[in-house]
Amino acid sequence: MQEGRASQTAVMVCMGRAIAHLEGTVPGFSDPTALALLPEDARARVERFRAGPAPRTTRERIAHRFLEGRSQMMAVRTIAIDEAVREAAAHQVVILGAGLDGRAWRMPELREAVVFEVDHPDTQREKVARAGSLVRSAREVRFVPVDFTRDRLDPKIADAGHDATRPTVWIWEGVVMYLTRAEVEATLEVVARRSATGSRLIIAYAAPGLILPLVRLLVRRIGEPFRSVYTAPAMKEMLAARGFRVIRDNDVPALARPLSERTWKATRALRHIRIVVADRE
């Protein structure tokens, strides 16, 4: 991401959730915080997407299909992660690379939890300003500014009051692919050290896939290139080496299939996006 500017992938992800919420086409999905957390220009794009005329040119059709597919994918990804958070029922939740995540303001299951939002200072600064208009669902939200490529996570989160002796739910959604393997492993070492027995780690990551080269090209153009890709066995091995047992690891189409035929069709090409859920033994 560019220095002094909020992550553009975080904005795109939030746009996907906003569209999915407003369209209401994915069973079980709702995110009333998404539109409020978007910057003004992105909010306008969402509203144009919904209210504008049918796309006419090839470029307009491609952009429309991209936003529609991303909205369906984001709904599926969000539902899967929310379910894993509810199952764990921990009183500490750490969101690594929180972006414009709205869970602390929309999940009643977090009413007894302290949510630590860890993210780049540039993104977090804008997030804090817009989150002021929302009513918090979590017991408390603590913002922890961290640049994963430069800063040490351990002292930052310790200073914010994270208790390593109590179970924690760690959410690492859509960040791993933008980090090098060394950066990913360094963060996992901190997560492992600070995870008491009963903790849970949820990661959205990129795996090899047919459309991955196209995805790489798109994110490179906005200045946030992919830097790491993992197979499911490689991810399992990496987590096991740090004391985490994989409970499940599914690609987006597999997660979409039980929701609806429309959602599955919209996401069936996105097998490169996977969600792994692992528990600390």
C-alpha atoms as a PDB file:
ATOM      1  CA  MET A   1       0.000   0.000   0.000  1.00  0.00           C
ATOM      2  CA  GLN A   2       1.086   3.588  -0.598  1.00  0.00           C
ATOM      3  CA  GLU A   3       2.525   5.551   2.308  1.00  0.00           C
ATOM      4  CA  GLY A   4       0.016   7.979   3.818  1.00  0.00           C
ATOM      5  CA  ARG A   5      -2.935   6.298   2.131  1.00  0.00           C
ATOM      6  CA  ALA A   6      -5.414   3.745   3.443  1.00  0.00           C
ATOM      7  CA  SER A   7      -5.256   0.247   1.965  1.00  0.00           C
ATOM      8  CA  GLN A   8      -7.207   0.147  -1.290  1.00  0.00           C
ATOM      9  CA  THR A   9      -7.824  -3.583  -0.949  1.00  0.00           C
ATOM     10  CA  ALA A  10      -9.450  -2.864   2.421  1.00  0.00           C
ATOM     11  CA  VAL A  11     -11.761  -0.426   0.632  1.00  0.00           C
ATOM     12  CA  MET A  12     -12.562  -2.979  -2.096  1.00  0.00           C
ATOM     13  CA  VAL A  13     -13.337  -5.652   0.500  1.00  0.00           C
ATOM     14  CA  CYS A  14     -15.662  -3.301   2.363  1.00  0.00           C
ATOM     15  CA  MET A  15     -17.367  -2.301  -0.891  1.00  0.00           C
ATOM     16  CA  GLY A  16     -18.068  -5.972  -1.530  1.00  0.00           C
ATOM     17  CA  ARG A  17     -19.702  -6.344   1.872  1.00  0.00           C
ATOM     18  CA  ALA A  18     -21.720  -3.151   1.390  1.00  0.00           C
ATOM     19  CA  ILE A  19     -23.092  -4.322  -1.959  1.00  0.00           C
ATOM     20  CA  ALA A  20     -23.913  -7.795  -0.606  1.00  0.00           C
ATOM     21  CA  HIS A  21     -25.731  -6.259   2.359  1.00  0.00           C
ATOM     22  CA  LEU A  22     -27.758  -3.844   0.237  1.00  0.00           C
ATOM     23  CA  GLU A  23     -28.580  -6.448  -2.421  1.00  0.00           C
ATOM     24  CA  GLY A  24     -29.580  -9.041   0.193  1.00  0.00           C
ATOM     25  CA  THR A  25     -29.047 -11.980  -2.160  1.00  0.00           C
ATOM     26  CA  VAL A  26     -26.792 -14.163   0.030  1.00  0.00           C
ATOM     27  CA  PRO A  27     -28.738 -16.119   2.663  1.00  0.00           C
ATOM     28  CA  GLY A  28     -27.474 -15.511   6.178  1.00  0.00           C
ATOM     29  CA  PHE A  29     -25.364 -12.468   5.337  1.00  0.00           C
ATOM     30  CA  SER A  30     -25.772  -9.000   6.804  1.00  0.00           C
ATOM     31  CA  ASP A  31     -23.322  -6.167   7.394  1.00  0.00           C
ATOM     32  CA  PRO A  32     -25.039  -2.863   8.177  1.00  0.00           C
ATOM     33  CA  THR A  33     -21.673  -1.275   9.080  1.00  0.00           C
ATOM     34  CA  ALA A  34     -20.012  -1.593   5.678  1.00  0.00           C
ATOM     35  CA  LEU A  35     -21.453   1.458   3.931  1.00  0.00           C
ATOM     36  CA  ALA A  36     -20.719   3.722   6.913  1.00  0.00           C
ATOM     37  CA  LEU A  37     -17.075   2.600   7.051  1.00  0.00           C
ATOM     38  CA  LEU A  38     -16.374   3.394   3.397  1.00  0.00           C
ATOM     39  CA  PRO A  39     -14.753   6.637   2.244  1.00  0.00           C
ATOM     40  CA  GLU A  40     -17.098   8.969   0.379  1.00  0.00           C
ATOM     41  CA  ASP A  41     -15.905   8.101  -3.142  1.00  0.00           C
ATOM     42  CA  ALA A  42     -16.254   4.356  -2.557  1.00  0.00           C
ATOM     43  CA  ARG A  43     -19.717   4.853  -1.043  1.00  0.00           C
ATOM     44  CA  ALA A  44     -20.714   6.715  -4.193  1.00  0.00           C
ATOM     45  CA  ARG A  45     -19.444   3.830  -6.352  1.00  0.00           C
ATOM     46  CA  VAL A  46     -21.585   1.381  -4.380  1.00  0.00           C
ATOM     47  CA  GLU A  47     -24.645   3.560  -4.812  1.00  0.00           C
ATOM     48  CA  ARG A  48     -23.999   3.951  -8.554  1.00  0.00           C
ATOM     49  CA  PHE A  49     -23.616   0.199  -8.875  1.00  0.00           C
ATOM     50  CA  ARG A  50     -27.063  -0.346  -7.384  1.00  0.00           C
ATOM     51  CA  ALA A  51     -28.944   2.592  -8.908  1.00  0.00           C
ATOM     52  CA  GLY A  52     -27.243   3.034 -12.255  1.00  0.00           C
ATOM     53  CA  PRO A  53     -28.419   1.755 -15.641  1.00  0.00           C
ATOM     54  CA  ALA A  54     -27.423  -1.666 -16.949  1.00  0.00           C
ATOM     55  CA  PRO A  55     -23.802  -1.679 -18.163  1.00  0.00           C
ATOM     56  CA  ARG A  56     -23.481  -1.133 -21.914  1.00  0.00           C
ATOM     57  CA  THR A  57     -19.811  -1.196 -22.864  1.00  0.00           C
ATOM     58  CA  THR A  58     -17.489  -4.162 -22.430  1.00  0.00           C
ATOM     59  CA  ARG A  59     -15.507  -2.240 -19.834  1.00  0.00           C
ATOM     60  CA  GLU A  60     -18.673  -1.424 -17.866  1.00  0.00           C
ATOM     61  CA  ARG A  61     -19.812  -5.055 -17.986  1.00  0.00           C
ATOM     62  CA  ILE A  62     -16.440  -6.306 -16.741  1.00  0.00           C
ATOM     63  CA  ALA A  63     -16.431  -3.786 -13.867  1.00  0.00           C
ATOM     64  CA  HIS A  64     -20.021  -4.692 -12.976  1.00  0.00           C
ATOM     65  CA  ARG A  65     -19.313  -8.436 -12.970  1.00  0.00           C
ATOM     66  CA  PHE A  66     -16.184  -7.885 -10.905  1.00  0.00           C
ATOM     67  CA  LEU A  67     -18.062  -5.968  -8.197  1.00  0.00           C
ATOM     68  CA  GLU A  68     -20.944  -8.443  -8.208  1.00  0.00           C
ATOM     69  CA  GLY A  69     -18.610 -11.430  -7.916  1.00  0.00           C
ATOM     70  CA  ARG A  70     -16.576  -9.746  -5.174  1.00  0.00           C
ATOM     71  CA  SER A  71     -19.726  -8.936  -3.204  1.00  0.00           C
ATOM     72  CA  GLN A  72     -20.849 -12.574  -3.295  1.00  0.00           C
ATOM     73  CA  MET A  73     -17.357 -13.781  -2.355  1.00  0.00           C
ATOM     74  CA  MET A  74     -17.083 -11.340   0.533  1.00  0.00           C
ATOM     75  CA  ALA A  75     -20.454 -12.452   1.882  1.00  0.00           C
ATOM     76  CA  VAL A  76     -19.336 -16.100   1.824  1.00  0.00           C
ATOM     77  CA  ARG A  77     -15.993 -15.290   3.437  1.00  0.00           C
ATOM     78  CA  THR A  78     -17.654 -13.193   6.135  1.00  0.00           C
ATOM     79  CA  ILE A  79     -20.266 -15.833   6.984  1.00  0.00           C
ATOM     80  CA  ALA A  80     -17.575 -18.521   7.372  1.00  0.00           C
ATOM     81  CA  ILE A  81     -15.384 -16.396   9.620  1.00  0.00           C
ATOM     82  CA  ASP A  82     -18.309 -15.148  11.723  1.00  0.00           C
ATOM     83  CA  GLU A  83     -19.370 -18.752  12.335  1.00  0.00           C
ATOM     84  CA  ALA A  84     -15.876 -19.695  13.499  1.00  0.00           C
ATOM     85  CA  VAL A  85     -15.808 -16.687  15.854  1.00  0.00           C
ATOM     86  CA  ARG A  86     -19.187 -17.600  17.362  1.00  0.00           C
ATOM     87  CA  GLU A  87     -18.114 -21.200  17.926  1.00  0.00           C
ATOM     88  CA  ALA A  88     -15.035 -20.151  19.899  1.00  0.00           C
ATOM     89  CA  ALA A  89     -16.887 -17.667  22.141  1.00  0.00           C
ATOM     90  CA  ALA A  90     -13.643 -16.151  23.435  1.00  0.00           C
ATOM     91  CA  HIS A  91     -13.536 -12.936  25.459  1.00  0.00           C
ATOM     92  CA  GLN A  92     -10.530 -11.669  23.485  1.00  0.00           C
ATOM     93  CA  VAL A  93     -10.630 -11.167  19.721  1.00  0.00           C
ATOM     94  CA  VAL A  94      -7.625  -9.909  17.778  1.00  0.00           C
ATOM     95  CA  ILE A  95      -8.208  -8.827  14.171  1.00  0.00           C
ATOM     96  CA  LEU A  96      -4.894  -8.712  12.339  1.00  0.00           C
ATOM     97  CA  GLY A  97      -5.031  -6.298   9.432  1.00  0.00           C
ATOM     98  CA  ALA A  98      -8.504  -5.205  10.488  1.00  0.00           C
ATOM     99  CA  GLY A  99      -9.044  -2.830   7.567  1.00  0.00           C
ATOM    100  CA  LEU A 100     -12.658  -1.668   7.506  1.00  0.00           C
ATOM    101  CA  ASP A 101     -13.936  -4.709   9.427  1.00  0.00           C
ATOM    102  CA  GLY A 102     -17.235  -4.059  11.223  1.00  0.00           C
ATOM    103  CA  ARG A 103     -17.480  -7.075  13.543  1.00  0.00           C
ATOM    104  CA  ALA A 104     -16.993  -5.080  16.742  1.00  0.00           C
ATOM    105  CA  TRP A 105     -20.011  -2.957  15.767  1.00  0.00           C
ATOM    106  CA  ARG A 106     -22.341  -5.611  14.337  1.00  0.00           C
ATOM    107  CA  MET A 107     -21.814  -8.925  16.204  1.00  0.00           C
ATOM    108  CA  PRO A 108     -23.865  -9.189  19.425  1.00  0.00           C
ATOM    109  CA  GLU A 109     -21.869 -12.331  20.253  1.00  0.00           C
ATOM    110  CA  LEU A 110     -18.936 -10.032  21.088  1.00  0.00           C
ATOM    111  CA  ARG A 111     -20.792  -8.184  23.839  1.00  0.00           C
ATOM    112  CA  GLU A 112     -18.450  -9.649  26.483  1.00  0.00           C
ATOM    113  CA  ALA A 113     -15.313  -9.450  24.366  1.00  0.00           C
ATOM    114  CA  VAL A 114     -12.469  -6.989  24.052  1.00  0.00           C
ATOM    115  CA  VAL A 115     -11.657  -6.578  20.356  1.00  0.00           C
ATOM    116  CA  PHE A 116      -8.111  -5.567  19.403  1.00  0.00           C
ATOM    117  CA  GLU A 117      -8.017  -4.034  15.919  1.00  0.00           C
ATOM    118  CA  VAL A 118      -4.468  -4.295  14.565  1.00  0.00           C
ATOM    119  CA  ASP A 119      -3.712  -2.480  11.322  1.00  0.00           C
ATOM    120  CA  HIS A 120      -1.485  -0.059   9.445  1.00  0.00           C
ATOM    121  CA  PRO A 121      -1.688   3.443  10.978  1.00  0.00           C
ATOM    122  CA  ASP A 122      -2.836   5.039   7.691  1.00  0.00           C
ATOM    123  CA  THR A 123      -5.797   2.700   7.288  1.00  0.00           C
ATOM    124  CA  GLN A 124      -6.623   2.775  10.975  1.00  0.00           C
ATOM    125  CA  ARG A 125      -6.686   6.550  11.146  1.00  0.00           C
ATOM    126  CA  GLU A 126      -9.477   6.725   8.564  1.00  0.00           C
ATOM    127  CA  LYS A 127     -11.312   3.778  10.117  1.00  0.00           C
ATOM    128  CA  VAL A 128     -11.410   5.369  13.579  1.00  0.00           C
ATOM    129  CA  ALA A 129     -12.854   8.598  12.173  1.00  0.00           C
ATOM    130  CA  ARG A 130     -15.727   6.840  10.401  1.00  0.00           C
ATOM    131  CA  ALA A 131     -16.428   4.260  13.116  1.00  0.00           C
ATOM    132  CA  GLY A 132     -17.447   7.098  15.441  1.00  0.00           C
ATOM    133  CA  SER A 133     -20.900   7.111  13.840  1.00  0.00           C
ATOM    134  CA  LEU A 134     -21.547   3.451  14.738  1.00  0.00           C
ATOM    135  CA  VAL A 135     -22.893   1.869  17.932  1.00  0.00           C
ATOM    136  CA  ARG A 136     -20.429  -0.632  19.352  1.00  0.00           C
ATOM    137  CA  SER A 137     -21.540  -4.254  19.942  1.00  0.00           C
ATOM    138  CA  ALA A 138     -18.305  -5.439  21.567  1.00  0.00           C
ATOM    139  CA  ARG A 139     -17.609  -4.641  25.199  1.00  0.00           C
ATOM    140  CA  GLU A 140     -14.534  -2.671  24.156  1.00  0.00           C
ATOM    141  CA  VAL A 141     -12.496  -1.913  21.026  1.00  0.00           C
ATOM    142  CA  ARG A 142      -8.784  -1.169  21.259  1.00  0.00           C
ATOM    143  CA  PHE A 143      -6.980   0.125  18.173  1.00  0.00           C
ATOM    144  CA  VAL A 144      -3.385  -1.089  17.798  1.00  0.00           C
ATOM    145  CA  PRO A 145      -1.430   0.642  14.981  1.00  0.00           C
ATOM    146  CA  VAL A 146       1.057  -1.806  13.421  1.00  0.00           C
ATOM    147  CA  ASP A 147       2.869  -1.912  10.082  1.00  0.00           C
ATOM    148  CA  PHE A 148       3.438  -5.671   9.653  1.00  0.00           C
ATOM    149  CA  THR A 149       6.428  -5.060   7.378  1.00  0.00           C
ATOM    150  CA  ARG A 150       8.251  -2.895   9.961  1.00  0.00           C
ATOM    151  CA  ASP A 151       6.824  -3.086  13.469  1.00  0.00           C
ATOM    152  CA  ARG A 152       7.033  -5.809  16.109  1.00  0.00           C
ATOM    153  CA  LEU A 153       3.549  -7.093  16.893  1.00  0.00           C
ATOM    154  CA  ASP A 154       4.331  -8.634  20.296  1.00  0.00           C
ATOM    155  CA  PRO A 155       5.122  -5.471  22.296  1.00  0.00           C
ATOM    156  CA  LYS A 156       2.427  -3.476  20.520  1.00  0.00           C
ATOM    157  CA  ILE A 157      -0.377  -5.844  21.405  1.00  0.00           C
ATOM    158  CA  ALA A 158       0.968  -6.441  24.900  1.00  0.00           C
ATOM    159  CA  ASP A 159       0.966  -2.699  25.539  1.00  0.00           C
ATOM    160  CA  ALA A 160      -2.665  -2.605  24.385  1.00  0.00           C
ATOM    161  CA  GLY A 161      -3.572  -5.023  27.182  1.00  0.00           C
ATOM    162  CA  HIS A 162      -3.835  -8.375  25.413  1.00  0.00           C
ATOM    163  CA  ASP A 163      -3.732 -11.188  28.009  1.00  0.00           C
ATOM    164  CA  ALA A 164      -1.701 -14.127  26.696  1.00  0.00           C
ATOM    165  CA  THR A 165      -2.942 -16.389  29.517  1.00  0.00           C
ATOM    166  CA  ARG A 166      -6.558 -16.305  28.286  1.00  0.00           C
ATOM    167  CA  PRO A 167      -7.966 -17.864  25.069  1.00  0.00           C
ATOM    168  CA  THR A 168      -8.026 -15.574  22.065  1.00  0.00           C
ATOM    169  CA  VAL A 169      -9.748 -15.678  18.696  1.00  0.00           C
ATOM    170  CA  TRP A 170      -7.335 -14.424  16.053  1.00  0.00           C
ATOM    171  CA  ILE A 171      -8.800 -13.276  12.720  1.00  0.00           C
ATOM    172  CA  TRP A 172      -6.329 -12.838   9.875  1.00  0.00           C
ATOM    173  CA  GLU A 173      -8.572 -12.097   6.910  1.00  0.00           C
ATOM    174  CA  GLY A 174      -7.184 -11.239   3.499  1.00  0.00           C
ATOM    175  CA  VAL A 175      -3.773 -10.025   4.675  1.00  0.00           C
ATOM    176  CA  VAL A 176      -1.483 -13.049   4.476  1.00  0.00           C
ATOM    177  CA  MET A 177      -1.251 -12.967   0.672  1.00  0.00           C
ATOM    178  CA  TYR A 178       0.200  -9.434   0.771  1.00  0.00           C
ATOM    179  CA  LEU A 179       3.049 -10.448   3.088  1.00  0.00           C
ATOM    180  CA  THR A 180       6.222 -12.407   2.391  1.00  0.00           C
ATOM    181  CA  ARG A 181       6.544 -15.886   3.879  1.00  0.00           C
ATOM    182  CA  ALA A 182       9.082 -14.546   6.391  1.00  0.00           C
ATOM    183  CA  GLU A 183       6.634 -11.839   7.508  1.00  0.00           C
ATOM    184  CA  VAL A 184       3.811 -14.384   7.794  1.00  0.00           C
ATOM    185  CA  GLU A 185       5.915 -16.760   9.880  1.00  0.00           C
ATOM    186  CA  ALA A 186       7.144 -13.960  12.135  1.00  0.00           C
ATOM    187  CA  THR A 187       3.543 -12.981  12.894  1.00  0.00           C
ATOM    188  CA  LEU A 188       2.545 -16.611  13.462  1.00  0.00           C
ATOM    189  CA  GLU A 189       5.333 -16.948  16.027  1.00  0.00           C
ATOM    190  CA  VAL A 190       3.827 -14.049  17.986  1.00  0.00           C
ATOM    191  CA  VAL A 191       0.323 -15.485  17.655  1.00  0.00           C
ATOM    192  CA  ALA A 192       1.549 -18.860  18.933  1.00  0.00           C
ATOM    193  CA  ARG A 193       3.355 -17.322  21.913  1.00  0.00           C
ATOM    194  CA  ARG A 194       0.295 -15.319  22.888  1.00  0.00           C
ATOM    195  CA  SER A 195      -2.279 -18.102  22.377  1.00  0.00           C
ATOM    196  CA  ALA A 196      -3.411 -19.933  25.488  1.00  0.00           C
ATOM    197  CA  THR A 197      -4.922 -23.398  25.170  1.00  0.00           C
ATOM    198  CA  GLY A 198      -8.370 -23.060  23.628  1.00  0.00           C
ATOM    199  CA  SER A 199      -7.407 -20.179  21.358  1.00  0.00           C
ATOM    200  CA  ARG A 200      -8.547 -20.170  17.741  1.00  0.00           C
ATOM    201  CA  LEU A 201      -6.840 -18.868  14.596  1.00  0.00           C
ATOM    202  CA  ILE A 202      -8.865 -18.061  11.447  1.00  0.00           C
ATOM    203  CA  ILE A 203      -6.959 -17.195   8.266  1.00  0.00           C
ATOM    204  CA  ALA A 204      -8.170 -16.232   4.800  1.00  0.00           C
ATOM    205  CA  TYR A 205      -5.314 -16.971   2.414  1.00  0.00           C
ATOM    206  CA  ALA A 206      -4.513 -17.451  -1.275  1.00  0.00           C
ATOM    207  CA  ALA A 207      -3.860 -20.882  -2.754  1.00  0.00           C
ATOM    208  CA  PRO A 208      -2.725 -21.821  -6.267  1.00  0.00           C
ATOM    209  CA  GLY A 209      -5.567 -21.541  -8.795  1.00  0.00           C
ATOM    210  CA  LEU A 210      -6.352 -21.037 -12.476  1.00  0.00           C
ATOM    211  CA  ILE A 211      -7.341 -17.370 -12.153  1.00  0.00           C
ATOM    212  CA  LEU A 212      -4.627 -16.463  -9.652  1.00  0.00           C
ATOM    213  CA  PRO A 213      -2.377 -14.816 -12.328  1.00  0.00           C
ATOM    214  CA  LEU A 214      -5.250 -12.469 -13.255  1.00  0.00           C
ATOM    215  CA  VAL A 215      -5.903 -11.654  -9.601  1.00  0.00           C
ATOM    216  CA  ARG A 216      -2.211 -10.947  -9.066  1.00  0.00           C
ATOM    217  CA  LEU A 217      -2.273  -8.523 -11.986  1.00  0.00           C
ATOM    218  CA  LEU A 218      -5.313  -6.658 -10.661  1.00  0.00           C
ATOM    219  CA  VAL A 219      -3.967  -6.150  -7.133  1.00  0.00           C
ATOM    220  CA  ARG A 220      -0.518  -5.202  -8.453  1.00  0.00           C
ATOM    221  CA  ARG A 221      -2.131  -2.368 -10.401  1.00  0.00           C
ATOM    222  CA  ILE A 222      -3.482  -0.818  -7.215  1.00  0.00           C
ATOM    223  CA  GLY A 223      -0.060  -1.071  -5.578  1.00  0.00           C
ATOM    224  CA  GLU A 224      -0.692  -4.042  -3.242  1.00  0.00           C
ATOM    225  CA  PRO A 225       0.812  -7.133  -4.939  1.00  0.00           C
ATOM    226  CA  PHE A 226       0.472 -10.726  -3.723  1.00  0.00           C
ATOM    227  CA  ARG A 227       3.636 -11.935  -2.029  1.00  0.00           C
ATOM    228  CA  SER A 228       2.749 -15.412  -0.753  1.00  0.00           C
ATOM    229  CA  VAL A 229       0.575 -18.347  -1.822  1.00  0.00           C
ATOM    230  CA  TYR A 230       0.060 -21.617   0.082  1.00  0.00           C
ATOM    231  CA  THR A 231      -1.404 -25.009  -0.653  1.00  0.00           C
ATOM    232  CA  ALA A 232      -3.753 -26.388   2.013  1.00  0.00           C
ATOM    233  CA  PRO A 233      -1.172 -29.039   3.125  1.00  0.00           C
ATOM    234  CA  ALA A 234       1.532 -26.360   3.385  1.00  0.00           C
ATOM    235  CA  MET A 235      -0.747 -24.155   5.495  1.00  0.00           C
ATOM    236  CA  LYS A 236      -1.618 -27.097   7.749  1.00  0.00           C
ATOM    237  CA  GLU A 237       2.064 -27.918   8.228  1.00  0.00           C
ATOM    238  CA  MET A 238       2.947 -24.305   9.002  1.00  0.00           C
ATOM    239  CA  LEU A 239       0.209 -24.063  11.646  1.00  0.00           C
ATOM    240  CA  ALA A 240       0.937 -27.482  13.156  1.00  0.00           C
ATOM    241  CA  ALA A 241       4.570 -26.465  13.673  1.00  0.00           C
ATOM    242  CA  ARG A 242       3.237 -23.731  15.962  1.00  0.00           C
ATOM    243  CA  GLY A 243       0.814 -25.847  17.967  1.00  0.00           C
ATOM    244  CA  PHE A 244      -2.386 -25.247  15.976  1.00  0.00           C
ATOM    245  CA  ARG A 245      -4.578 -28.140  14.803  1.00  0.00           C
ATOM    246  CA  VAL A 246      -6.590 -27.471  11.641  1.00  0.00           C
ATOM    247  CA  ILE A 247     -10.316 -28.013  12.216  1.00  0.00           C
ATOM    248  CA  ARG A 248     -11.352 -27.211   8.657  1.00  0.00           C
ATOM    249  CA  ASP A 249      -9.927 -25.620   5.527  1.00  0.00           C
ATOM    250  CA  ASN A 250     -12.311 -24.868   2.650  1.00  0.00           C
ATOM    251  CA  ASP A 251     -12.264 -22.857  -0.550  1.00  0.00           C
ATOM    252  CA  VAL A 252     -14.912 -20.210  -1.196  1.00  0.00           C
ATOM    253  CA  PRO A 253     -16.973 -22.265  -3.689  1.00  0.00           C
ATOM    254  CA  ALA A 254     -17.257 -25.124  -1.175  1.00  0.00           C
ATOM    255  CA  LEU A 255     -18.445 -22.658   1.462  1.00  0.00           C
ATOM    256  CA  ALA A 256     -20.877 -21.060  -0.996  1.00  0.00           C
ATOM    257  CA  ARG A 257     -22.517 -24.299  -2.143  1.00  0.00           C
ATOM    258  CA  PRO A 258     -24.789 -24.720   0.925  1.00  0.00           C
ATOM    259  CA  LEU A 259     -25.888 -21.071   0.809  1.00  0.00           C
ATOM    260  CA  SER A 260     -27.506 -20.838  -2.620  1.00  0.00           C
ATOM    261  CA  GLU A 261     -27.072 -21.846  -6.248  1.00  0.00           C
ATOM    262  CA  ARG A 262     -26.633 -18.197  -7.252  1.00  0.00           C
ATOM    263  CA  THR A 263     -23.868 -17.607  -4.728  1.00  0.00           C
ATOM    264  CA  TRP A 264     -22.081 -20.790  -5.740  1.00  0.00           C
ATOM    265  CA  LYS A 265     -22.228 -19.862  -9.439  1.00  0.00           C
ATOM    266  CA  ALA A 266     -20.921 -16.365  -8.707  1.00  0.00           C
ATOM    267  CA  THR A 267     -17.933 -17.705  -6.753  1.00  0.00           C
ATOM    268  CA  ARG A 268     -17.149 -21.078  -8.350  1.00  0.00           C
ATOM    269  CA  ALA A 269     -14.015 -19.745 -10.072  1.00  0.00           C
ATOM    270  CA  LEU A 270     -12.566 -18.495  -6.763  1.00  0.00           C
ATOM    271  CA  ARG A 271     -11.007 -21.731  -5.566  1.00  0.00           C
ATOM    272  CA  HIS A 272      -7.800 -19.857  -4.824  1.00  0.00           C
ATOM    273  CA  ILE A 273      -9.434 -18.173  -1.810  1.00  0.00           C
ATOM    274  CA  ARG A 274      -9.457 -20.423   1.256  1.00  0.00           C
ATOM    275  CA  ILE A 275     -10.492 -20.116   4.910  1.00  0.00           C
ATOM    276  CA  VAL A 276      -8.644 -22.203   7.478  1.00  0.00           C
ATOM    277  CA  VAL A 277      -9.811 -22.580  11.085  1.00  0.00           C
ATOM    278  CA  ALA A 278      -7.304 -23.974  13.587  1.00  0.00           C
ATOM    279  CA  ASP A 279      -7.355 -24.426  17.369  1.00  0.00           C
ATOM    280  CA  ARG A 280      -4.485 -24.235  19.858  1.00  0.00           C
ATOM    281  CA  GLU A 281      -4.043 -27.544  21.632  1.00  0.00           C
END
